Amino acid sequence: MTPAEMDALQKSMTEGESALLIAAGMAMFSAIEAGAPQRTLLERLATHEKNYKLIGQPKAAAMMAMMTAMVESTQGR
């Protein structure tokens, strides 16, 4: 997901969706800090993104892509 795509998604979110994304991001970063393998998190996010696309929920799929970008940004730290 590109920075422009992230920006567009954030602008299209409701207040509740934005809060949910922040909470999910905090949970992901906590899991990483606790030692969860990033590969596992990325695999699960990819599965959820695919499933949301299959059931016709593109915004939820895009939120999973954004979470993937967040997790990928922590690799090597």
C-alpha atoms as a PDB file:
ATOM      1  CA  MET A   1       0.000   0.000   0.000  1.00  0.00           C
ATOM      2  CA  THR A   2       1.443   3.326  -1.028  1.00  0.00           C
ATOM      3  CA  PRO A   3       1.476   6.401   1.212  1.00  0.00           C
ATOM      4  CA  ALA A   4      -1.099   8.017  -1.083  1.00  0.00           C
ATOM      5  CA  GLU A   5      -3.379   4.979  -0.773  1.00  0.00           C
ATOM      6  CA  MET A   6      -3.003   5.068   3.015  1.00  0.00           C
ATOM      7  CA  ASP A   7      -3.859   8.754   3.070  1.00  0.00           C
ATOM      8  CA  ALA A   8      -6.956   8.213   0.908  1.00  0.00           C
ATOM      9  CA  LEU A   9      -8.112   5.339   3.116  1.00  0.00           C
ATOM     10  CA  GLN A  10      -7.644   7.349   6.294  1.00  0.00           C
ATOM     11  CA  LYS A  11      -9.630  10.242   4.843  1.00  0.00           C
ATOM     12  CA  SER A  12     -12.496   7.880   3.942  1.00  0.00           C
ATOM     13  CA  MET A  13     -12.714   6.315   7.417  1.00  0.00           C
ATOM     14  CA  THR A  14     -15.375   7.076   9.955  1.00  0.00           C
ATOM     15  CA  GLU A  15     -14.298   8.044  13.447  1.00  0.00           C
ATOM     16  CA  GLY A  16     -15.042   4.510  14.660  1.00  0.00           C
ATOM     17  CA  GLU A  17     -13.060   2.895  11.850  1.00  0.00           C
ATOM     18  CA  SER A  18     -10.121   5.154  12.581  1.00  0.00           C
ATOM     19  CA  ALA A  19     -10.203   4.295  16.281  1.00  0.00           C
ATOM     20  CA  LEU A  20     -10.409   0.596  15.459  1.00  0.00           C
ATOM     21  CA  LEU A  21      -7.374   0.856  13.173  1.00  0.00           C
ATOM     22  CA  ILE A  22      -5.382   2.608  15.886  1.00  0.00           C
ATOM     23  CA  ALA A  23      -6.331  -0.049  18.440  1.00  0.00           C
ATOM     24  CA  ALA A  24      -5.417  -2.828  16.006  1.00  0.00           C
ATOM     25  CA  GLY A  25      -2.097  -1.150  15.287  1.00  0.00           C
ATOM     26  CA  MET A  26      -1.304  -0.909  18.981  1.00  0.00           C
ATOM     27  CA  ALA A  27      -2.130  -4.599  19.391  1.00  0.00           C
ATOM     28  CA  MET A  28       0.120  -5.530  16.452  1.00  0.00           C
ATOM     29  CA  PHE A  29       3.043  -3.519  17.789  1.00  0.00           C
ATOM     30  CA  SER A  30       2.544  -5.011  21.260  1.00  0.00           C
ATOM     31  CA  ALA A  31       2.585  -8.497  19.758  1.00  0.00           C
ATOM     32  CA  ILE A  32       5.818  -7.711  17.906  1.00  0.00           C
ATOM     33  CA  GLU A  33       7.424  -6.304  21.057  1.00  0.00           C
ATOM     34  CA  ALA A  34       6.354  -9.452  22.931  1.00  0.00           C
ATOM     35  CA  GLY A  35       8.196 -11.573  20.377  1.00  0.00           C
ATOM     36  CA  ALA A  36       5.499 -12.650  17.935  1.00  0.00           C
ATOM     37  CA  PRO A  37       7.081 -13.646  14.622  1.00  0.00           C
ATOM     38  CA  GLN A  38       6.411 -10.920  12.066  1.00  0.00           C
ATOM     39  CA  ARG A  39       6.139 -13.552   9.349  1.00  0.00           C
ATOM     40  CA  THR A  40       3.197 -15.127  11.165  1.00  0.00           C
ATOM     41  CA  LEU A  41       1.471 -11.770  11.616  1.00  0.00           C
ATOM     42  CA  LEU A  42       2.003 -10.951   7.932  1.00  0.00           C
ATOM     43  CA  GLU A  43       0.603 -14.329   6.858  1.00  0.00           C
ATOM     44  CA  ARG A  44      -2.510 -13.850   8.990  1.00  0.00           C
ATOM     45  CA  LEU A  45      -3.050 -10.313   7.729  1.00  0.00           C
ATOM     46  CA  ALA A  46      -2.724 -11.546   4.135  1.00  0.00           C
ATOM     47  CA  THR A  47      -5.332 -14.230   4.807  1.00  0.00           C
ATOM     48  CA  HIS A  48      -7.745 -11.696   6.308  1.00  0.00           C
ATOM     49  CA  GLU A  49      -7.172  -9.258   3.433  1.00  0.00           C
ATOM     50  CA  LYS A  50      -7.912 -12.010   0.901  1.00  0.00           C
ATOM     51  CA  ASN A  51     -11.052 -13.082   2.761  1.00  0.00           C
ATOM     52  CA  TYR A  52     -12.383  -9.524   2.987  1.00  0.00           C
ATOM     53  CA  LYS A  53     -11.867  -9.124  -0.743  1.00  0.00           C
ATOM     54  CA  LEU A  54     -13.698 -12.400  -1.397  1.00  0.00           C
ATOM     55  CA  ILE A  55     -16.744 -11.331   0.603  1.00  0.00           C
ATOM     56  CA  GLY A  56     -16.884  -7.899  -1.008  1.00  0.00           C
ATOM     57  CA  GLN A  57     -15.560  -5.715   1.796  1.00  0.00           C
ATOM     58  CA  PRO A  58     -12.883  -3.618   0.079  1.00  0.00           C
ATOM     59  CA  LYS A  59     -12.479  -1.101   2.902  1.00  0.00           C
ATOM     60  CA  ALA A  60     -11.791  -3.867   5.429  1.00  0.00           C
ATOM     61  CA  ALA A  61      -9.335  -5.428   2.960  1.00  0.00           C
ATOM     62  CA  ALA A  62      -7.601  -2.066   2.578  1.00  0.00           C
ATOM     63  CA  MET A  63      -7.347  -1.771   6.361  1.00  0.00           C
ATOM     64  CA  MET A  64      -5.609  -5.161   6.442  1.00  0.00           C
ATOM     65  CA  ALA A  65      -3.201  -3.905   3.761  1.00  0.00           C
ATOM     66  CA  MET A  66      -2.496  -0.873   5.921  1.00  0.00           C
ATOM     67  CA  MET A  67      -1.817  -3.118   8.915  1.00  0.00           C
ATOM     68  CA  THR A  68       0.534  -5.167   6.724  1.00  0.00           C
ATOM     69  CA  ALA A  69       2.455  -1.998   5.846  1.00  0.00           C
ATOM     70  CA  MET A  70       2.686  -1.119   9.536  1.00  0.00           C
ATOM     71  CA  VAL A  71       4.081  -4.547  10.443  1.00  0.00           C
ATOM     72  CA  GLU A  72       6.483  -4.496   7.489  1.00  0.00           C
ATOM     73  CA  SER A  73       7.784  -1.098   8.641  1.00  0.00           C
ATOM     74  CA  THR A  74       9.039  -2.709  11.855  1.00  0.00           C
ATOM     75  CA  GLN A  75      11.106  -5.441  10.189  1.00  0.00           C
ATOM     76  CA  GLY A  76      14.753  -5.352  11.119  1.00  0.00           C
ATOM     77  CA  ARG A  77      14.235  -3.377  14.308  1.00  0.00           C
END
